Amino acid sequence: MEKATRQFSKDRNKRLILKTIYTGGEISRAELARFTDLTRTTVSSIVSELLKDGLVQEIGLGVSDGGKPPVILQIDNHGRHLIGIDLGNNHLQGGVTDLRGNILYRCELPMQDQDGDAALALVYDLVAMLLAATDQPILGIGIGTPGLIDAPRGIIRQAVNLRWRDLPLRDLLAKRFNLPCYLSNDSHAAAVGEYIFGQPHPGKKHQIVIKAGRGISAGIMLDGQLFVGENSTAGEIGHVTVLDGGELCPCGNVGCLETLVSTLVLARVAREISWKRPDSPLHALVSSPDEITTDVVYQAYTAGDSDLQAKAMEMARYLGIVIAHIVGLMNIESVLIGGSLSQLGQPFVDAIRQVVYARLNPMLCAQSRIEIEMCSLGKDIVIKGAAALLLTNELGLV
């Protein structure tokens, strides 16, 4: 027991020192001792280990305060590389990042309507391609995936689009590639990625990321920690009923948010527009409504298709109603809009903001500084968030 206690204390101190260097940037051993309240001997011993591990590097001498100039330390951003994978689109995509979340290499594989074992084989191929792209030591594999996730056990309970049920993806990948692997809902991963690697929001202790695309979900950060709720399913707002008597949803309910707001809804409307309106910009982009993809929809929207723009504003209204309830319930002042629907641009976000402000208690809006903005990480948000899972679980950096 005494040996285990000593080892636990050493590991805790090592993580504390590494985190202090990571967040502090350039720092000396003496400053580390001061900031962590650890003895200089302890700091010196642990720093020696981190230098040997290649996680920390010495970059030169600092300014002397009258004695010997201190040696300055910083994180070696390439001391480990991370694999981040996003399974939430019509194609699998992943990247190799450094310890600061910079994507060094990326890869995409088309799904081509594959699911089940075929989709799993594509995940294996993607990971193998990413591993082959770097010769640096790999910290592990992070996965952001849609569906219902048992994150602590690394099991995908249900991913409808991939036809996976009770798939132990974490253990399958860890065994196949002999690396640590962590699994998260894609909106949760997006929230972590934006909080760690995204644009800073000074003074905001809490943050919500709304990932809006094929599905709709939210990732919630409270005091810098991801809130997952019971059974790791916090933020599943896509299947909240918002329209009585609406369309039947695949989940079995009627009028769910995802029946009103999604890329699938927008593409369906675009096909209807293409049939009814010969003057639509869609006709300049495709020869048949069957050829309309999400990318084509965004091009026509940007080109000024009035019906598509009206549909986007309608979707913003429904999404804003749900966000207003979240903000009113949790009093969170930073809401970021991500996912593929964010390609609808600033007018879409502005319309969401107007709905939220109109539906909240005016006193709440007056007293708070509620920000509703676009995510800063764009299409890479889940890849970087999946990589950030490794920083948290393997190194304790965040």
Protein backbone atom coordinates (compact mmCIF):
# COMPACT_ATOMS: atom_id res chain seq x y z
CA MET A 1 0.00 0.00 0.00
CA GLU A 2 2.82 2.41 0.83
CA LYS A 3 4.53 1.68 -2.49
CA ALA A 4 1.27 2.22 -4.37
CA THR A 5 0.70 5.51 -2.53
CA ARG A 6 4.18 6.73 -3.45
CA GLN A 7 3.65 5.80 -7.09
CA PHE A 8 0.26 7.54 -7.15
CA SER A 9 1.80 10.67 -5.67
CA LYS A 10 4.64 10.60 -8.19
CA ASP A 11 2.24 10.17 -11.12
CA ARG A 12 0.06 13.01 -9.83
CA ASN A 13 3.07 15.31 -9.48
CA LYS A 14 4.29 14.38 -12.94
CA ARG A 15 0.95 15.28 -14.47
CA LEU A 16 0.85 18.53 -12.50
CA ILE A 17 4.29 19.58 -13.74
CA LEU A 18 3.55 18.58 -17.32
CA LYS A 19 0.25 20.47 -17.26
CA THR A 20 1.95 23.55 -15.81
CA ILE A 21 4.53 23.54 -18.60
CA TYR A 22 1.83 22.94 -21.23
CA THR A 23 -0.39 25.81 -20.08
CA GLY A 24 2.40 28.16 -19.03
CA GLY A 25 4.48 28.01 -22.19
CA GLU A 26 8.13 28.82 -21.51
CA ILE A 27 9.02 28.28 -17.86
CA SER A 28 12.01 27.50 -15.62
CA ARG A 29 12.40 24.78 -13.00
CA ALA A 30 12.33 27.38 -10.23
CA GLU A 31 9.06 28.79 -11.53
CA LEU A 32 7.63 25.28 -11.72
CA ALA A 33 8.46 24.72 -8.06
CA ARG A 34 6.85 28.03 -7.16
CA PHE A 35 3.66 27.46 -9.16
CA THR A 36 3.15 23.82 -8.07
CA ASP A 37 4.32 24.09 -4.44
CA LEU A 38 6.60 21.11 -5.03
CA THR A 39 10.19 20.96 -3.85
CA ARG A 40 12.96 21.85 -6.27
CA THR A 41 14.33 18.33 -5.90
CA THR A 42 11.00 16.80 -6.90
CA VAL A 43 10.65 19.17 -9.84
CA SER A 44 14.18 18.50 -11.03
CA SER A 45 13.69 14.73 -10.87
CA ILE A 46 10.39 14.77 -12.76
CA VAL A 47 11.66 17.24 -15.38
CA SER A 48 14.58 14.89 -16.04
CA GLU A 49 12.10 12.10 -16.73
CA LEU A 50 10.03 14.31 -19.04
CA LEU A 51 13.15 15.33 -20.95
CA LYS A 52 14.11 11.68 -21.36
CA ASP A 53 10.55 10.83 -22.50
CA GLY A 54 10.77 13.54 -25.16
CA LEU A 55 7.69 15.39 -23.91
CA VAL A 56 9.63 18.44 -22.71
CA GLN A 57 12.64 20.23 -24.17
CA GLU A 58 15.14 22.83 -23.01
CA ILE A 59 15.15 25.85 -25.30
CA GLY A 60 17.83 28.12 -23.84
CA LEU A 61 18.60 30.39 -20.94
CA GLY A 62 16.27 32.91 -19.33
CA VAL A 63 17.00 36.28 -17.80
CA SER A 64 19.16 36.15 -14.69
CA ASP A 65 17.89 37.76 -11.49
CA GLY A 66 21.44 38.13 -10.24
CA GLY A 67 22.53 34.51 -10.13
CA LYS A 68 22.98 31.80 -12.72
CA PRO A 69 20.55 32.23 -15.67
CA PRO A 70 17.71 29.69 -15.49
CA VAL A 71 17.24 27.02 -18.15
CA ILE A 72 13.89 27.51 -19.88
CA LEU A 73 11.62 24.56 -20.58
CA GLN A 74 8.68 24.08 -22.92
CA ILE A 75 6.54 21.28 -24.27
CA ASP A 76 7.97 19.52 -27.32
CA ASN A 77 4.90 19.76 -29.53
CA HIS A 78 6.14 16.83 -31.58
CA GLY A 79 7.14 14.73 -28.59
CA ARG A 80 4.02 12.69 -29.30
CA HIS A 81 1.61 12.65 -32.20
CA LEU A 82 -2.10 12.00 -31.80
CA ILE A 83 -4.62 10.24 -34.02
CA GLY A 84 -8.05 11.90 -34.14
CA ILE A 85 -10.94 10.38 -36.13
CA ASP A 86 -14.38 11.74 -37.01
CA LEU A 87 -17.02 9.13 -37.94
CA GLY A 88 -19.88 11.60 -38.13
CA ASN A 89 -20.07 12.39 -41.86
CA ASN A 90 -20.82 10.65 -45.13
CA HIS A 91 -17.12 9.87 -45.25
CA LEU A 92 -14.66 8.82 -42.59
CA GLN A 93 -12.01 11.44 -41.86
CA GLY A 94 -9.07 11.59 -39.55
CA GLY A 95 -5.85 13.40 -38.88
CA VAL A 96 -2.48 13.21 -37.22
CA THR A 97 -1.97 16.14 -34.84
CA ASP A 98 0.79 17.39 -32.62
CA LEU A 99 0.29 18.09 -28.91
CA ARG A 100 -1.18 21.54 -29.70
CA GLY A 101 -3.85 20.16 -31.99
CA ASN A 102 -2.22 21.26 -35.25
CA ILE A 103 -3.21 18.83 -38.00
CA LEU A 104 -0.08 17.58 -39.71
CA TYR A 105 -1.68 15.02 -42.01
CA ARG A 106 -5.28 14.24 -42.87
CA CYS A 107 -7.05 11.47 -44.70
CA GLU A 108 -10.61 10.79 -45.86
CA LEU A 109 -12.26 7.57 -47.00
CA PRO A 110 -15.67 7.57 -48.73
CA MET A 111 -18.32 5.49 -46.98
CA GLN A 112 -20.12 4.55 -50.22
CA ASP A 113 -23.16 3.48 -48.16
CA GLN A 114 -21.13 0.86 -46.33
CA ASP A 115 -22.10 -0.07 -42.80
CA GLY A 116 -21.69 -2.87 -40.27
CA ASP A 117 -18.50 -4.92 -40.68
CA ALA A 118 -17.64 -3.13 -43.93
CA ALA A 119 -17.67 0.23 -42.16
CA LEU A 120 -15.53 -1.18 -39.35
CA ALA A 121 -13.00 -2.39 -41.94
CA LEU A 122 -12.83 1.16 -43.31
CA VAL A 123 -12.07 2.48 -39.82
CA TYR A 124 -9.20 -0.02 -39.56
CA ASP A 125 -7.89 1.13 -42.96
CA LEU A 126 -8.11 4.80 -41.97
CA VAL A 127 -6.20 4.27 -38.72
CA ALA A 128 -3.51 2.27 -40.53
CA MET A 129 -3.07 5.05 -43.11
CA LEU A 130 -2.76 7.70 -40.40
CA LEU A 131 -0.23 5.68 -38.42
CA ALA A 132 1.86 5.22 -41.54
CA ALA A 133 1.96 9.00 -42.09
CA THR A 134 4.20 9.75 -39.09
CA ASP A 135 7.35 8.29 -37.60
CA GLN A 136 6.90 10.06 -34.25
CA PRO A 137 5.76 8.16 -31.13
CA ILE A 138 1.95 7.91 -31.08
CA LEU A 139 0.11 8.78 -27.87
CA GLY A 140 -3.04 6.97 -28.92
CA ILE A 141 -6.25 7.03 -30.95
CA GLY A 142 -9.23 9.27 -30.25
CA ILE A 143 -12.62 8.64 -31.89
CA GLY A 144 -15.61 10.98 -32.20
CA THR A 145 -18.70 9.15 -33.42
CA PRO A 146 -22.44 9.82 -33.68
CA GLY A 147 -24.90 7.72 -31.78
CA LEU A 148 -25.38 6.52 -28.24
CA ILE A 149 -22.00 5.93 -26.63
CA ASP A 150 -20.91 4.20 -23.44
CA ALA A 151 -17.75 6.30 -23.24
CA PRO A 152 -16.25 4.80 -20.03
CA ARG A 153 -16.40 1.31 -21.55
CA GLY A 154 -15.64 2.39 -25.10
CA ILE A 155 -18.77 0.83 -26.58
CA ILE A 156 -21.00 2.23 -29.32
CA ARG A 157 -24.44 1.26 -28.06
CA GLN A 158 -26.17 2.38 -31.24
CA ALA A 159 -25.06 4.20 -34.39
CA VAL A 160 -28.04 4.03 -36.74
CA ASN A 161 -26.31 5.28 -39.89
CA LEU A 162 -23.45 2.80 -39.48
CA ARG A 163 -25.72 -0.03 -38.27
CA TRP A 164 -23.53 -0.64 -35.27
CA ARG A 165 -25.04 -1.88 -32.04
CA ASP A 166 -23.06 -2.71 -28.88
CA LEU A 167 -19.79 -2.47 -30.81
CA PRO A 168 -16.73 -2.50 -28.48
CA LEU A 169 -14.80 -0.19 -30.81
CA ARG A 170 -12.29 0.98 -28.20
CA ASP A 171 -11.12 -2.52 -27.36
CA LEU A 172 -11.09 -3.61 -31.01
CA LEU A 173 -8.81 -0.73 -31.99
CA ALA A 174 -6.61 -0.99 -28.89
CA LYS A 175 -6.01 -4.69 -29.53
CA ARG A 176 -5.45 -4.33 -33.27
CA PHE A 177 -3.02 -1.39 -33.08
CA ASN A 178 -1.62 -1.87 -29.57
CA LEU A 179 -2.36 1.74 -28.62
CA PRO A 180 -4.58 3.46 -26.05
CA CYS A 181 -7.95 4.34 -27.54
CA TYR A 182 -10.73 6.64 -26.31
CA LEU A 183 -14.25 6.98 -27.61
CA SER A 184 -16.67 9.89 -27.37
CA ASN A 185 -19.91 11.13 -28.86
CA ASP A 186 -18.95 13.45 -31.72
CA SER A 187 -20.65 16.51 -30.18
CA HIS A 188 -18.84 15.85 -26.88
CA ALA A 189 -15.55 15.59 -28.76
CA ALA A 190 -16.38 18.82 -30.60
CA ALA A 191 -16.98 20.61 -27.31
CA VAL A 192 -13.65 19.44 -25.89
CA GLY A 193 -11.81 20.37 -29.09
CA GLU A 194 -13.28 23.87 -29.22
CA TYR A 195 -12.62 24.49 -25.53
CA ILE A 196 -8.97 23.39 -25.71
CA PHE A 197 -7.84 24.35 -29.20
CA GLY A 198 -10.43 26.92 -30.31
CA GLN A 199 -10.62 30.68 -30.01
CA PRO A 200 -10.42 31.71 -26.32
CA HIS A 201 -13.51 33.26 -24.74
CA PRO A 202 -12.15 35.24 -21.77
CA GLY A 203 -14.34 35.25 -18.69
CA LYS A 204 -16.50 32.35 -19.89
CA LYS A 205 -16.24 29.41 -17.49
CA HIS A 206 -18.85 27.32 -19.29
CA GLN A 207 -19.45 26.64 -22.97
CA ILE A 208 -21.88 24.77 -25.22
CA VAL A 209 -21.11 23.57 -28.73
CA ILE A 210 -24.11 22.80 -30.93
CA LYS A 211 -23.09 20.34 -33.64
CA ALA A 212 -25.66 20.68 -36.40
CA GLY A 213 -25.41 18.58 -39.53
CA ARG A 214 -26.94 15.25 -40.43
CA GLY A 215 -27.98 15.12 -36.78
CA ILE A 216 -28.23 17.68 -33.99
CA SER A 217 -26.54 17.38 -30.61
CA ALA A 218 -24.81 19.48 -27.98
CA GLY A 219 -21.54 19.19 -26.10
CA ILE A 220 -21.44 20.92 -22.71
CA MET A 221 -18.32 22.13 -20.91
CA LEU A 222 -18.76 23.14 -17.26
CA ASP A 223 -15.78 24.71 -15.48
CA GLY A 224 -13.50 23.24 -18.13
CA GLN A 225 -14.84 19.71 -17.74
CA LEU A 226 -17.03 17.83 -20.20
CA PHE A 227 -20.50 17.15 -18.79
CA VAL A 228 -21.71 13.79 -20.10
CA GLY A 229 -24.68 13.15 -17.81
CA GLU A 230 -26.08 9.74 -16.97
CA ASN A 231 -25.02 7.02 -19.42
CA SER A 232 -22.84 9.53 -21.35
CA THR A 233 -25.83 10.86 -23.33
CA ALA A 234 -26.05 14.52 -22.25
CA GLY A 235 -26.81 16.90 -25.10
CA GLU A 236 -28.95 14.57 -27.24
CA ILE A 237 -31.26 17.41 -28.28
CA GLY A 238 -31.91 16.14 -31.79
CA HIS A 239 -34.72 13.90 -30.61
CA VAL A 240 -36.55 16.42 -28.47
CA THR A 241 -40.04 17.05 -29.86
CA VAL A 242 -40.44 20.68 -30.93
CA LEU A 243 -43.40 20.46 -33.31
CA ASP A 244 -46.61 18.70 -32.32
CA GLY A 245 -48.02 16.80 -35.27
CA GLY A 246 -44.76 17.03 -37.20
CA GLU A 247 -43.02 14.37 -39.25
CA LEU A 248 -42.37 10.86 -37.97
CA CYS A 249 -38.76 10.56 -36.88
CA PRO A 250 -36.68 7.37 -37.27
CA CYS A 251 -36.45 7.30 -33.46
CA GLY A 252 -40.23 6.70 -33.31
CA ASN A 253 -41.28 10.12 -32.01
CA VAL A 254 -43.01 12.82 -34.03
CA GLY A 255 -41.77 16.37 -34.69
CA CYS A 256 -38.20 15.86 -33.38
CA LEU A 257 -35.72 18.67 -33.92
CA GLU A 258 -33.83 16.56 -36.46
CA THR A 259 -36.94 16.28 -38.65
CA LEU A 260 -36.87 20.08 -38.92
CA VAL A 261 -33.16 20.94 -38.82
CA SER A 262 -30.52 18.86 -40.61
CA THR A 263 -28.56 18.60 -43.84
CA LEU A 264 -30.98 15.86 -44.92
CA VAL A 265 -33.93 18.25 -44.56
CA LEU A 266 -32.10 20.95 -46.50
CA ALA A 267 -31.17 18.54 -49.31
CA ARG A 268 -34.75 17.28 -49.57
CA VAL A 269 -36.06 20.84 -49.85
CA ALA A 270 -33.42 21.59 -52.49
CA ARG A 271 -34.67 18.68 -54.61
CA GLU A 272 -38.22 19.97 -54.34
CA ILE A 273 -37.05 23.45 -55.35
CA SER A 274 -35.20 22.00 -58.32
CA TRP A 275 -38.39 20.37 -59.60
CA LYS A 276 -40.60 23.44 -59.08
CA ARG A 277 -38.34 26.39 -59.96
CA PRO A 278 -36.47 26.41 -63.27
CA ASP A 279 -34.82 29.71 -62.26
CA SER A 280 -33.12 28.22 -59.19
CA PRO A 281 -29.29 28.34 -59.14
CA LEU A 282 -29.50 24.59 -58.56
CA HIS A 283 -30.07 24.05 -62.28
CA ALA A 284 -26.71 25.58 -63.09
CA LEU A 285 -25.01 23.13 -60.73
CA VAL A 286 -26.65 19.78 -61.51
CA SER A 287 -28.59 18.31 -64.42
CA SER A 288 -30.96 16.29 -62.24
CA PRO A 289 -32.43 16.66 -58.72
CA ASP A 290 -31.00 13.24 -57.92
CA GLU A 291 -27.50 14.71 -58.25
CA ILE A 292 -28.05 17.26 -55.48
CA THR A 293 -25.64 16.78 -52.59
CA THR A 294 -25.05 18.80 -49.46
CA ASP A 295 -22.18 20.65 -51.16
CA VAL A 296 -24.45 21.55 -54.07
CA VAL A 297 -27.07 22.87 -51.63
CA TYR A 298 -24.52 25.17 -49.98
CA GLN A 299 -23.37 26.46 -53.37
CA ALA A 300 -26.94 27.28 -54.40
CA TYR A 301 -27.62 28.87 -51.02
CA THR A 302 -24.54 31.08 -51.38
CA ALA A 303 -25.57 31.93 -54.94
CA GLY A 304 -28.77 33.44 -53.57
CA ASP A 305 -31.53 30.82 -53.91
CA SER A 306 -34.32 32.59 -52.03
CA ASP A 307 -36.24 29.42 -51.11
CA LEU A 308 -33.14 27.76 -49.67
CA GLN A 309 -32.31 30.91 -47.72
CA ALA A 310 -35.87 31.03 -46.36
CA LYS A 311 -35.59 27.37 -45.32
CA ALA A 312 -32.30 28.10 -43.57
CA MET A 313 -33.96 30.89 -41.58
CA GLU A 314 -36.80 28.54 -40.62
CA MET A 315 -34.27 25.98 -39.37
CA ALA A 316 -32.48 28.72 -37.43
CA ARG A 317 -35.75 29.53 -35.69
CA TYR A 318 -36.34 25.96 -34.52
CA LEU A 319 -32.74 25.56 -33.43
CA GLY A 320 -32.85 28.90 -31.62
CA ILE A 321 -35.95 27.82 -29.67
CA VAL A 322 -34.14 24.76 -28.32
CA ILE A 323 -30.95 26.71 -27.56
CA ALA A 324 -32.98 29.30 -25.65
CA HIS A 325 -34.27 26.57 -23.36
CA ILE A 326 -30.73 25.29 -22.75
CA VAL A 327 -29.42 28.79 -21.97
CA GLY A 328 -32.38 29.56 -19.72
CA LEU A 329 -31.95 26.29 -17.84
CA MET A 330 -28.16 26.32 -17.42
CA ASN A 331 -27.29 30.04 -17.55
CA ILE A 332 -24.39 29.38 -19.92
CA GLU A 333 -23.15 32.50 -21.69
CA SER A 334 -21.11 30.99 -24.53
CA VAL A 335 -22.89 29.01 -27.26
CA LEU A 336 -20.96 28.03 -30.40
CA ILE A 337 -22.52 26.70 -33.59
CA GLY A 338 -20.57 24.00 -35.42
CA GLY A 339 -21.15 21.09 -37.74
CA SER A 340 -21.82 21.18 -41.47
CA LEU A 341 -24.87 23.47 -41.14
CA SER A 342 -22.52 26.19 -39.93
CA GLN A 343 -21.59 26.52 -43.62
CA LEU A 344 -24.85 28.47 -43.92
CA GLY A 345 -22.71 31.27 -42.55
CA GLN A 346 -23.14 34.29 -40.37
CA PRO A 347 -26.77 35.02 -41.40
CA PHE A 348 -27.74 31.59 -40.03
CA VAL A 349 -25.96 32.25 -36.72
CA ASP A 350 -27.39 35.78 -36.52
CA ALA A 351 -30.91 34.40 -36.99
CA ILE A 352 -30.35 31.84 -34.20
CA ARG A 353 -29.11 34.62 -31.91
CA GLN A 354 -32.17 36.76 -32.57
CA VAL A 355 -34.51 33.88 -31.70
CA VAL A 356 -32.61 33.07 -28.51
CA TYR A 357 -32.62 36.68 -27.31
CA ALA A 358 -36.31 37.07 -28.15
CA ARG A 359 -37.27 33.99 -26.12
CA LEU A 360 -35.19 34.57 -23.01
CA ASN A 361 -36.13 36.65 -20.01
CA PRO A 362 -35.01 40.20 -20.98
CA MET A 363 -33.49 40.62 -17.51
CA LEU A 364 -31.34 37.54 -18.11
CA CYS A 365 -30.10 38.95 -21.40
CA ALA A 366 -29.41 42.35 -19.81
CA GLN A 367 -27.44 40.89 -16.90
CA SER A 368 -25.51 38.33 -18.93
CA ARG A 369 -23.15 38.61 -21.86
CA ILE A 370 -24.59 35.75 -23.85
CA GLU A 371 -22.44 34.99 -26.89
CA ILE A 372 -23.81 32.95 -29.78
CA GLU A 373 -21.08 32.61 -32.37
CA MET A 374 -19.62 30.28 -34.96
CA CYS A 375 -17.15 27.60 -33.84
CA SER A 376 -13.59 28.53 -34.70
CA LEU A 377 -12.31 25.04 -35.64
CA GLY A 378 -14.57 24.55 -38.66
CA LYS A 379 -14.69 21.09 -40.20
CA ASP A 380 -11.76 19.89 -38.08
CA ILE A 381 -13.58 20.32 -34.79
CA VAL A 382 -14.28 16.60 -34.13
CA ILE A 383 -10.84 15.45 -35.31
CA LYS A 384 -9.17 17.90 -32.92
CA GLY A 385 -11.62 17.07 -30.16
CA ALA A 386 -10.94 13.36 -30.54
CA ALA A 387 -7.21 14.08 -30.31
CA ALA A 388 -7.84 16.19 -27.20
CA LEU A 389 -9.35 13.14 -25.49
CA LEU A 390 -5.82 11.72 -25.44
CA LEU A 391 -4.35 14.83 -23.84
CA THR A 392 -6.91 14.49 -21.06
CA ASN A 393 -6.78 10.77 -20.46
CA GLU A 394 -3.16 9.92 -21.20
CA LEU A 395 -1.29 13.04 -20.07
CA GLY A 396 -3.75 14.89 -17.83
CA LEU A 397 -3.01 18.15 -19.65
CA VAL A 398 -6.61 19.43 -19.63
